[in-house]
Each structure stands twice: as structure tokens, then as C-alpha cells.
């Protein structure tokens, strides 16, 4: 998708070598020590996820970086993330609370930060992804009710898979030691996106004679939107798991769900 394309472009601009071949991408890791950027002006188009993750990553570049998006992206607030990064030593400024962002050559060192949990879990994930490589321990204090918790779990699972340590205190305080080295992983499979998969899944529910097979995604996923499959099953759909795939067959008539809580989806 375009979000991924712009993420790859930004990584290349930051000096991180990538090679794309069909359905795989090779990335030359740097263990939190970014090489000299090829381009100091990063463009994220309208990719919100890319903008948030690249903002945190760019603070490690040891050089001034500007992050810009399209007209709509430059109207989307990002201040909770920039405020949090500034609390641990970064120096990020913007006009208003939105991109374009000016990131100074001063990298964050770690320390304590406070960030709201009821806006976007991606702000917290962005910080979690850089915190293991900072000079000092980083303590993230999450205020307000945490939304999209499963997506934070995805980030924490990623840290586990790459051998990076943290202490999670009931999702209210997360402590990440600094100066860590990630484990080398030669091959990593990215699970299919449960959010995107919900659309063909809904198509299957509406067309009884048209089973849909979703590849590389099933009910064992920790993605929040995988709950959509459970909802379809309660509505009368037949759900089959074959290897890592899911096959959905719609019923002749769907059942109502009544009231459901979709805070985590």
C-alpha cells in the first residue's frame, strides 16, 4: 500500500538501504545508529502511520530533518508525539500542532515522558521502537484510558521477537532500558492486515455462494481487527482455518449482533 511505499522511501532517504523484490523487502538494519541521510527533507504524503513512526526514527539521525506531507497530512495533529519526544531530549518544532516538522540534530537521550493513551496507540508505539537504542532508560507514563490496546501489543511482541527488553506495568507505565542491541533476524514474516481483510470478509458474509480465502491471517492473530472474524461467526458465517489462512462462507441469512464494544478494533 502507499503507506508502506512512503515508509520505504523515507528509510532510503535516511540512509537505510532497502531492496524490494515482489512480495519481500530486504532492509539493512543499523541497531538504532542511523547512517548519514541521503535526503534531509522527508515526504510522507498522506500516510499517518508513516509520519508518526518516521518522526520518532528521525530523531536518531544526528542531523536536522524536515518531515512534510500533503495538504491533508499537514492538517493532522501530531503534537502529543512531538511533545513526548521533546520530554526525553529531542528538539522538534512545527507551525501549529501539525506537520511540517523540523527535527534538530539533537537526539533524545531517554528519561521520563507522559503521553495520553486515548488518542492514538501509534504515538506510544513510535517511541517504543526507538527507546531501546537511547542512552538512558525511558519511562513512558500513559494517561487516560488506552485505546487500540491490541496494536500496542503488536509493538511489544515485535520488541520480544527482536530480543529487546522492557517492563510493562499494566499498560500504565512502560520502562525500556537504553543502549540495547537487537537480535539479528534474517527472515521476518509480516502478517496480513486484519483491518484490510475485514472488507473481503464482509463481502463473503453478504454472498453465500462465494467463499473468500484470506491468506496469512487467522483467529490466532493479536491484531485488534481480527475480532471482525468472530463477529461474522456469531452472525452465522462458517469460518475455517487452514494452515495460516482463513476461509469465510456466508450464510443464507445473517443474524444480528445486537450491541458490541469495538473500542479495541
C-alpha atoms as a PDB file:
ATOM      1  CA  UNK A   1       0.000   0.000   0.000  1.00  0.00           C
ATOM      2  CA  UNK A   2       1.073   3.614  -0.378  1.00  0.00           C
ATOM      3  CA  UNK A   3       1.746   3.957   3.378  1.00  0.00           C
ATOM      4  CA  UNK A   4       4.380   1.218   3.087  1.00  0.00           C
ATOM      5  CA  UNK A   5       5.810   2.724  -0.086  1.00  0.00           C
ATOM      6  CA  UNK A   6       6.319   6.084   1.598  1.00  0.00           C
ATOM      7  CA  UNK A   7       7.816   4.392   4.665  1.00  0.00           C
ATOM      8  CA  UNK A   8      10.372   2.651   2.425  1.00  0.00           C
ATOM      9  CA  UNK A   9      11.106   5.929   0.642  1.00  0.00           C
ATOM     10  CA  UNK A  10      11.736   7.654   3.974  1.00  0.00           C
ATOM     11  CA  UNK A  11      14.023   4.839   5.149  1.00  0.00           C
ATOM     12  CA  UNK A  12      16.039   5.209   1.948  1.00  0.00           C
ATOM     13  CA  UNK A  13      16.247   8.979   2.459  1.00  0.00           C
ATOM     14  CA  UNK A  14      17.531   8.361   5.987  1.00  0.00           C
ATOM     15  CA  UNK A  15      20.334   6.248   4.525  1.00  0.00           C
ATOM     16  CA  UNK A  16      18.884   2.839   5.401  1.00  0.00           C
ATOM     17  CA  UNK A  17      19.365   0.577   2.370  1.00  0.00           C
ATOM     18  CA  UNK A  18      16.350  -1.418   1.172  1.00  0.00           C
ATOM     19  CA  UNK A  19      15.801  -3.781  -1.757  1.00  0.00           C
ATOM     20  CA  UNK A  20      12.267  -4.655  -2.920  1.00  0.00           C
ATOM     21  CA  UNK A  21      11.580  -7.889  -4.802  1.00  0.00           C
ATOM     22  CA  UNK A  22       7.964  -8.889  -5.478  1.00  0.00           C
ATOM     23  CA  UNK A  23       6.441  -9.688  -2.072  1.00  0.00           C
ATOM     24  CA  UNK A  24       9.561  -9.243   0.035  1.00  0.00           C
ATOM     25  CA  UNK A  25      11.850  -6.436   1.097  1.00  0.00           C
ATOM     26  CA  UNK A  26      15.413  -6.638   2.373  1.00  0.00           C
ATOM     27  CA  UNK A  27      16.357  -3.988   4.937  1.00  0.00           C
ATOM     28  CA  UNK A  28      19.909  -3.389   6.147  1.00  0.00           C
ATOM     29  CA  UNK A  29      19.495  -2.745   9.874  1.00  0.00           C
ATOM     30  CA  UNK A  30      21.529  -0.252  11.873  1.00  0.00           C
ATOM     31  CA  UNK A  31      20.715  -1.103  15.520  1.00  0.00           C
ATOM     32  CA  UNK A  32      19.486   2.398  16.234  1.00  0.00           C
ATOM     33  CA  UNK A  33      22.615   4.105  14.828  1.00  0.00           C
ATOM     34  CA  UNK A  34      21.365   5.761  11.656  1.00  0.00           C
ATOM     35  CA  UNK A  35      23.830   6.354   8.804  1.00  0.00           C
ATOM     36  CA  UNK A  36      24.211   9.768   7.173  1.00  0.00           C
ATOM     37  CA  UNK A  37      20.890  10.676   5.484  1.00  0.00           C
ATOM     38  CA  UNK A  38      20.782  10.898   1.708  1.00  0.00           C
ATOM     39  CA  UNK A  39      17.998  13.477   1.920  1.00  0.00           C
ATOM     40  CA  UNK A  40      17.158  15.727   4.879  1.00  0.00           C
ATOM     41  CA  UNK A  41      13.675  16.533   3.570  1.00  0.00           C
ATOM     42  CA  UNK A  42      11.325  13.589   4.066  1.00  0.00           C
ATOM     43  CA  UNK A  43       7.907  13.419   2.383  1.00  0.00           C
ATOM     44  CA  UNK A  44       5.183  11.157   3.841  1.00  0.00           C
ATOM     45  CA  UNK A  45       2.289  12.100   1.504  1.00  0.00           C
ATOM     46  CA  UNK A  46      -0.954  11.294   3.408  1.00  0.00           C
ATOM     47  CA  UNK A  47       0.435   8.348   5.395  1.00  0.00           C
ATOM     48  CA  UNK A  48      -0.335   8.954   9.067  1.00  0.00           C
ATOM     49  CA  UNK A  49       1.361   5.804  10.349  1.00  0.00           C
ATOM     50  CA  UNK A  50       4.488   6.552   8.332  1.00  0.00           C
ATOM     51  CA  UNK A  51       4.585  10.141   9.599  1.00  0.00           C
ATOM     52  CA  UNK A  52       4.374   9.062  13.244  1.00  0.00           C
ATOM     53  CA  UNK A  53       6.975   6.275  13.072  1.00  0.00           C
ATOM     54  CA  UNK A  54       9.372   8.259  10.872  1.00  0.00           C
ATOM     55  CA  UNK A  55       9.141  11.271  13.205  1.00  0.00           C
ATOM     56  CA  UNK A  56      10.423   9.176  16.111  1.00  0.00           C
ATOM     57  CA  UNK A  57      13.073   7.433  13.986  1.00  0.00           C
ATOM     58  CA  UNK A  58      14.351  10.708  12.510  1.00  0.00           C
ATOM     59  CA  UNK A  59      15.287  11.992  15.965  1.00  0.00           C
ATOM     60  CA  UNK A  60      18.156   9.439  15.892  1.00  0.00           C
ATOM     61  CA  UNK A  61      19.651  10.855  12.675  1.00  0.00           C
ATOM     62  CA  UNK A  62      22.086  13.268  14.413  1.00  0.00           C
ATOM     63  CA  UNK A  63      21.284  15.864  11.756  1.00  0.00           C
ATOM     64  CA  UNK A  64      18.452  18.296  11.063  1.00  0.00           C
ATOM     65  CA  UNK A  65      15.485  16.651   9.339  1.00  0.00           C
ATOM     66  CA  UNK A  66      12.269  18.130   7.924  1.00  0.00           C
ATOM     67  CA  UNK A  67       9.143  15.979   7.625  1.00  0.00           C
ATOM     68  CA  UNK A  68       6.388  17.162   5.307  1.00  0.00           C
ATOM     69  CA  UNK A  69       3.169  15.669   3.970  1.00  0.00           C
ATOM     70  CA  UNK A  70       0.454  16.549   1.504  1.00  0.00           C
ATOM     71  CA  UNK A  71      -2.128  19.263   2.239  1.00  0.00           C
ATOM     72  CA  UNK A  72      -4.341  16.949   4.314  1.00  0.00           C
ATOM     73  CA  UNK A  73      -1.412  15.416   6.229  1.00  0.00           C
ATOM     74  CA  UNK A  74      -0.266  18.904   7.151  1.00  0.00           C
ATOM     75  CA  UNK A  75      -3.647  19.456   8.823  1.00  0.00           C
ATOM     76  CA  UNK A  76      -3.451  16.351  11.035  1.00  0.00           C
ATOM     77  CA  UNK A  77      -2.304  16.993  14.636  1.00  0.00           C
ATOM     78  CA  UNK A  78       0.850  15.224  15.846  1.00  0.00           C
ATOM     79  CA  UNK A  79       1.695  17.332  18.897  1.00  0.00           C
ATOM     80  CA  UNK A  80       1.212  14.560  21.527  1.00  0.00           C
ATOM     81  CA  UNK A  81       4.078  12.657  19.867  1.00  0.00           C
ATOM     82  CA  UNK A  82       6.392  15.635  19.388  1.00  0.00           C
ATOM     83  CA  UNK A  83       5.744  16.800  22.957  1.00  0.00           C
ATOM     84  CA  UNK A  84       6.591  13.318  24.265  1.00  0.00           C
ATOM     85  CA  UNK A  85       9.809  13.129  22.232  1.00  0.00           C
ATOM     86  CA  UNK A  86      10.815  16.606  23.409  1.00  0.00           C
ATOM     87  CA  UNK A  87      10.303  15.485  27.016  1.00  0.00           C
ATOM     88  CA  UNK A  88      13.110  12.934  26.589  1.00  0.00           C
ATOM     89  CA  UNK A  89      15.558  15.265  24.924  1.00  0.00           C
ATOM     90  CA  UNK A  90      14.561  15.714  21.294  1.00  0.00           C
ATOM     91  CA  UNK A  91      14.017  19.172  19.795  1.00  0.00           C
ATOM     92  CA  UNK A  92      11.068  19.173  17.379  1.00  0.00           C
ATOM     93  CA  UNK A  93       9.187  22.273  16.272  1.00  0.00           C
ATOM     94  CA  UNK A  94       6.261  22.858  13.951  1.00  0.00           C
ATOM     95  CA  UNK A  95       3.879  25.554  12.807  1.00  0.00           C
ATOM     96  CA  UNK A  96       0.788  24.811  14.826  1.00  0.00           C
ATOM     97  CA  UNK A  97       0.401  21.216  16.008  1.00  0.00           C
ATOM     98  CA  UNK A  98       0.778  19.566  12.587  1.00  0.00           C
ATOM     99  CA  UNK A  99       3.487  18.832  10.008  1.00  0.00           C
ATOM    100  CA  UNK A 100       5.734  20.139   8.534  1.00  0.00           C
ATOM    101  CA  UNK A 101       8.066  19.206  11.389  1.00  0.00           C
ATOM    102  CA  UNK A 102      11.578  20.498  11.951  1.00  0.00           C
ATOM    103  CA  UNK A 103      13.719  17.993  13.863  1.00  0.00           C
ATOM    104  CA  UNK A 104      17.040  19.294  15.170  1.00  0.00           C
ATOM    105  CA  UNK A 105      20.315  17.363  15.223  1.00  0.00           C
ATOM    106  CA  UNK A 106      19.841  16.865  18.981  1.00  0.00           C
ATOM    107  CA  UNK A 107      18.834  13.225  19.603  1.00  0.00           C
ATOM    108  CA  UNK A 108      16.695  12.177  22.577  1.00  0.00           C
ATOM    109  CA  UNK A 109      18.616  10.619  25.456  1.00  0.00           C
ATOM    110  CA  UNK A 110      15.783   8.935  27.377  1.00  0.00           C
ATOM    111  CA  UNK A 111      14.159   9.730  30.688  1.00  0.00           C
ATOM    112  CA  UNK A 112      10.523  10.074  31.710  1.00  0.00           C
ATOM    113  CA  UNK A 113       7.668  11.164  29.473  1.00  0.00           C
ATOM    114  CA  UNK A 114       3.915  11.436  29.804  1.00  0.00           C
ATOM    115  CA  UNK A 115       1.626  10.715  26.867  1.00  0.00           C
ATOM    116  CA  UNK A 116      -2.168  10.320  26.519  1.00  0.00           C
ATOM    117  CA  UNK A 117      -3.385   6.828  25.678  1.00  0.00           C
ATOM    118  CA  UNK A 118      -6.801   7.824  24.369  1.00  0.00           C
ATOM    119  CA  UNK A 119      -5.687   9.447  21.090  1.00  0.00           C
ATOM    120  CA  UNK A 120      -3.523   7.014  19.114  1.00  0.00           C
ATOM    121  CA  UNK A 121      -1.552   3.974  20.228  1.00  0.00           C
ATOM    122  CA  UNK A 122       0.819   4.710  17.316  1.00  0.00           C
ATOM    123  CA  UNK A 123       2.343   7.585  19.299  1.00  0.00           C
ATOM    124  CA  UNK A 124       3.348   5.141  22.019  1.00  0.00           C
ATOM    125  CA  UNK A 125       4.486   2.502  19.506  1.00  0.00           C
ATOM    126  CA  UNK A 126       6.688   5.048  17.726  1.00  0.00           C
ATOM    127  CA  UNK A 127       8.515   5.801  20.991  1.00  0.00           C
ATOM    128  CA  UNK A 128       8.772   2.114  21.941  1.00  0.00           C
ATOM    129  CA  UNK A 129      10.556   1.369  18.665  1.00  0.00           C
ATOM    130  CA  UNK A 130      13.389   3.848  19.333  1.00  0.00           C
ATOM    131  CA  UNK A 131      13.601   3.733  23.147  1.00  0.00           C
ATOM    132  CA  UNK A 132      15.845   0.603  23.387  1.00  0.00           C
ATOM    133  CA  UNK A 133      18.574   2.473  21.468  1.00  0.00           C
ATOM    134  CA  UNK A 134      18.632   5.654  23.569  1.00  0.00           C
ATOM    135  CA  UNK A 135      21.424   6.423  26.021  1.00  0.00           C
ATOM    136  CA  UNK A 136      19.301   6.187  29.169  1.00  0.00           C
ATOM    137  CA  UNK A 137      16.274   4.228  30.377  1.00  0.00           C
ATOM    138  CA  UNK A 138      12.970   5.564  29.047  1.00  0.00           C
ATOM    139  CA  UNK A 139       9.837   5.515  31.212  1.00  0.00           C
ATOM    140  CA  UNK A 140       6.531   6.006  29.384  1.00  0.00           C
ATOM    141  CA  UNK A 141       3.638   7.097  31.634  1.00  0.00           C
ATOM    142  CA  UNK A 142       0.310   6.567  29.853  1.00  0.00           C
ATOM    143  CA  UNK A 143      -2.534   8.812  30.980  1.00  0.00           C
ATOM    144  CA  UNK A 144      -6.243   8.383  30.217  1.00  0.00           C
ATOM    145  CA  UNK A 145      -7.836   5.142  29.018  1.00  0.00           C
ATOM    146  CA  UNK A 146      -5.670   3.300  26.497  1.00  0.00           C
ATOM    147  CA  UNK A 147      -7.363   2.841  23.122  1.00  0.00           C
ATOM    148  CA  UNK A 148      -6.329   0.345  20.447  1.00  0.00           C
ATOM    149  CA  UNK A 149      -4.504  -1.815  23.026  1.00  0.00           C
ATOM    150  CA  UNK A 150      -4.028  -4.770  20.613  1.00  0.00           C
ATOM    151  CA  UNK A 151      -1.879  -2.568  18.380  1.00  0.00           C
ATOM    152  CA  UNK A 152       0.361  -1.713  21.309  1.00  0.00           C
ATOM    153  CA  UNK A 153       0.588  -5.469  21.958  1.00  0.00           C
ATOM    154  CA  UNK A 154       1.824  -5.922  18.370  1.00  0.00           C
ATOM    155  CA  UNK A 155       4.660  -3.474  19.061  1.00  0.00           C
ATOM    156  CA  UNK A 156       5.579  -5.158  22.351  1.00  0.00           C
ATOM    157  CA  UNK A 157       5.558  -8.567  20.631  1.00  0.00           C
ATOM    158  CA  UNK A 158       7.890  -7.119  17.981  1.00  0.00           C
ATOM    159  CA  UNK A 159      10.319  -5.991  20.695  1.00  0.00           C
ATOM    160  CA  UNK A 160      10.174  -9.511  22.166  1.00  0.00           C
ATOM    161  CA  UNK A 161      10.906 -11.087  18.780  1.00  0.00           C
ATOM    162  CA  UNK A 162      13.975  -8.898  18.300  1.00  0.00           C
ATOM    163  CA  UNK A 163      15.242  -9.601  21.834  1.00  0.00           C
ATOM    164  CA  UNK A 164      14.630  -6.071  23.162  1.00  0.00           C
ATOM    165  CA  UNK A 165      13.752  -5.721  26.851  1.00  0.00           C
ATOM    166  CA  UNK A 166      11.007  -3.701  28.518  1.00  0.00           C
ATOM    167  CA  UNK A 167       8.829  -3.782  31.641  1.00  0.00           C
ATOM    168  CA  UNK A 168       5.077  -3.302  31.153  1.00  0.00           C
ATOM    169  CA  UNK A 169       3.221  -2.244  34.295  1.00  0.00           C
ATOM    170  CA  UNK A 170      -0.430  -2.840  33.368  1.00  0.00           C
ATOM    171  CA  UNK A 171      -0.163  -0.541  30.308  1.00  0.00           C
ATOM    172  CA  UNK A 172       0.083   2.464  32.615  1.00  0.00           C
ATOM    173  CA  UNK A 173       3.872   2.628  32.865  1.00  0.00           C
ATOM    174  CA  UNK A 174       6.268   1.012  30.392  1.00  0.00           C
ATOM    175  CA  UNK A 175      10.003   1.107  31.157  1.00  0.00           C
ATOM    176  CA  UNK A 176      12.573   0.430  28.428  1.00  0.00           C
ATOM    177  CA  UNK A 177      16.292   0.140  29.269  1.00  0.00           C
ATOM    178  CA  UNK A 178      18.607   2.019  26.930  1.00  0.00           C
ATOM    179  CA  UNK A 179      21.736   1.029  24.970  1.00  0.00           C
ATOM    180  CA  UNK A 180      20.315  -2.334  23.857  1.00  0.00           C
ATOM    181  CA  UNK A 181      21.385  -4.473  20.910  1.00  0.00           C
ATOM    182  CA  UNK A 182      18.671  -6.144  18.866  1.00  0.00           C
ATOM    183  CA  UNK A 183      18.814  -9.807  17.950  1.00  0.00           C
ATOM    184  CA  UNK A 184      19.666 -10.445  14.298  1.00  0.00           C
ATOM    185  CA  UNK A 185      16.698 -11.902  12.431  1.00  0.00           C
ATOM    186  CA  UNK A 186      17.359 -12.966   8.854  1.00  0.00           C
ATOM    187  CA  UNK A 187      13.744 -13.549   7.870  1.00  0.00           C
ATOM    188  CA  UNK A 188      10.591 -11.994   9.316  1.00  0.00           C
ATOM    189  CA  UNK A 189       7.063 -12.611   8.021  1.00  0.00           C
ATOM    190  CA  UNK A 190       4.664  -9.695   8.299  1.00  0.00           C
ATOM    191  CA  UNK A 191       1.159 -10.951   8.991  1.00  0.00           C
ATOM    192  CA  UNK A 192      -1.595  -9.855   6.618  1.00  0.00           C
ATOM    193  CA  UNK A 193      -3.511  -6.751   7.707  1.00  0.00           C
ATOM    194  CA  UNK A 194      -6.682  -7.695   9.583  1.00  0.00           C
ATOM    195  CA  UNK A 195      -8.208  -4.250   9.008  1.00  0.00           C
ATOM    196  CA  UNK A 196      -7.946  -4.559   5.223  1.00  0.00           C
ATOM    197  CA  UNK A 197      -9.048  -8.197   5.397  1.00  0.00           C
ATOM    198  CA  UNK A 198     -12.352  -7.210   7.025  1.00  0.00           C
ATOM    199  CA  UNK A 199     -13.642  -5.853   3.692  1.00  0.00           C
ATOM    200  CA  UNK A 200     -13.408  -9.058   1.607  1.00  0.00           C
ATOM    201  CA  UNK A 201     -14.565 -10.891   4.747  1.00  0.00           C
ATOM    202  CA  UNK A 202     -17.711  -8.750   4.775  1.00  0.00           C
ATOM    203  CA  UNK A 203     -18.163  -9.472   1.055  1.00  0.00           C
ATOM    204  CA  UNK A 204     -18.127 -13.201   1.835  1.00  0.00           C
ATOM    205  CA  UNK A 205     -20.761 -12.686   4.541  1.00  0.00           C
ATOM    206  CA  UNK A 206     -23.054 -10.969   2.020  1.00  0.00           C
ATOM    207  CA  UNK A 207     -22.605 -13.573  -0.751  1.00  0.00           C
ATOM    208  CA  UNK A 208     -23.486 -17.115   0.491  1.00  0.00           C
ATOM    209  CA  UNK A 209     -22.173 -18.902  -2.594  1.00  0.00           C
ATOM    210  CA  UNK A 210     -18.851 -17.057  -2.727  1.00  0.00           C
ATOM    211  CA  UNK A 211     -16.357 -18.291  -0.087  1.00  0.00           C
ATOM    212  CA  UNK A 212     -13.401 -15.968   0.416  1.00  0.00           C
ATOM    213  CA  UNK A 213      -9.941 -17.161   1.444  1.00  0.00           C
ATOM    214  CA  UNK A 214      -7.827 -14.696   3.445  1.00  0.00           C
ATOM    215  CA  UNK A 215      -4.156 -15.627   3.219  1.00  0.00           C
ATOM    216  CA  UNK A 216      -1.669 -15.415   6.105  1.00  0.00           C
ATOM    217  CA  UNK A 217      -4.233 -14.288   8.689  1.00  0.00           C
ATOM    218  CA  UNK A 218      -6.395 -16.249  11.125  1.00  0.00           C
ATOM    219  CA  UNK A 219      -8.104 -16.027  14.519  1.00  0.00           C
ATOM    220  CA  UNK A 220      -4.841 -16.590  16.415  1.00  0.00           C
ATOM    221  CA  UNK A 221      -3.680 -13.094  15.382  1.00  0.00           C
ATOM    222  CA  UNK A 222      -3.237 -10.456  18.102  1.00  0.00           C
ATOM    223  CA  UNK A 223      -4.396  -7.680  15.748  1.00  0.00           C
ATOM    224  CA  UNK A 224      -7.439  -5.909  17.160  1.00  0.00           C
ATOM    225  CA  UNK A 225      -9.486  -6.098  13.967  1.00  0.00           C
ATOM    226  CA  UNK A 226      -9.271  -9.893  13.851  1.00  0.00           C
ATOM    227  CA  UNK A 227     -12.328  -9.704  16.153  1.00  0.00           C
ATOM    228  CA  UNK A 228     -14.289  -8.981  12.960  1.00  0.00           C
ATOM    229  CA  UNK A 229     -13.978 -12.701  12.125  1.00  0.00           C
ATOM    230  CA  UNK A 230     -15.545 -13.596  15.483  1.00  0.00           C
ATOM    231  CA  UNK A 231     -18.404 -11.191  14.780  1.00  0.00           C
ATOM    232  CA  UNK A 232     -19.006 -12.799  11.388  1.00  0.00           C
ATOM    233  CA  UNK A 233     -19.066 -16.246  13.001  1.00  0.00           C
ATOM    234  CA  UNK A 234     -21.691 -15.050  15.504  1.00  0.00           C
ATOM    235  CA  UNK A 235     -23.675 -13.692  12.561  1.00  0.00           C
ATOM    236  CA  UNK A 236     -23.813 -17.194  11.078  1.00  0.00           C
ATOM    237  CA  UNK A 237     -20.780 -17.326   8.780  1.00  0.00           C
ATOM    238  CA  UNK A 238     -18.774 -20.532   8.507  1.00  0.00           C
ATOM    239  CA  UNK A 239     -15.143 -19.919   9.479  1.00  0.00           C
ATOM    240  CA  UNK A 240     -12.420 -22.421   8.554  1.00  0.00           C
ATOM    241  CA  UNK A 241      -8.717 -22.206   9.376  1.00  0.00           C
ATOM    242  CA  UNK A 242      -6.328 -23.992   7.004  1.00  0.00           C
ATOM    243  CA  UNK A 243      -2.666 -23.592   7.880  1.00  0.00           C
ATOM    244  CA  UNK A 244      -2.333 -19.804   8.335  1.00  0.00           C
ATOM    245  CA  UNK A 245      -5.311 -18.949   6.116  1.00  0.00           C
ATOM    246  CA  UNK A 246      -8.979 -18.267   6.878  1.00  0.00           C
ATOM    247  CA  UNK A 247     -11.896 -19.297   4.657  1.00  0.00           C
ATOM    248  CA  UNK A 248     -15.192 -17.474   5.197  1.00  0.00           C
ATOM    249  CA  UNK A 249     -18.524 -18.670   3.807  1.00  0.00           C
ATOM    250  CA  UNK A 250     -21.617 -16.542   4.295  1.00  0.00           C
ATOM    251  CA  UNK A 251     -24.971 -17.987   5.484  1.00  0.00           C
ATOM    252  CA  UNK A 252     -28.280 -17.720   3.635  1.00  0.00           C
ATOM    253  CA  UNK A 253     -29.374 -15.191   6.235  1.00  0.00           C
ATOM    254  CA  UNK A 254     -27.210 -13.226   8.649  1.00  0.00           C
ATOM    255  CA  UNK A 255     -28.039 -12.976  12.365  1.00  0.00           C
ATOM    256  CA  UNK A 256     -27.988  -9.677  14.211  1.00  0.00           C
ATOM    257  CA  UNK A 257     -25.179  -8.909  16.669  1.00  0.00           C
ATOM    258  CA  UNK A 258     -27.049  -6.571  18.976  1.00  0.00           C
ATOM    259  CA  UNK A 259     -24.668  -4.269  20.872  1.00  0.00           C
ATOM    260  CA  UNK A 260     -20.920  -4.842  20.610  1.00  0.00           C
ATOM    261  CA  UNK A 261     -17.884  -2.996  22.027  1.00  0.00           C
ATOM    262  CA  UNK A 262     -15.451  -2.019  19.252  1.00  0.00           C
ATOM    263  CA  UNK A 263     -13.067   0.092  21.364  1.00  0.00           C
ATOM    264  CA  UNK A 264     -10.145  -2.214  20.555  1.00  0.00           C
ATOM    265  CA  UNK A 265     -10.957  -2.582  16.844  1.00  0.00           C
END
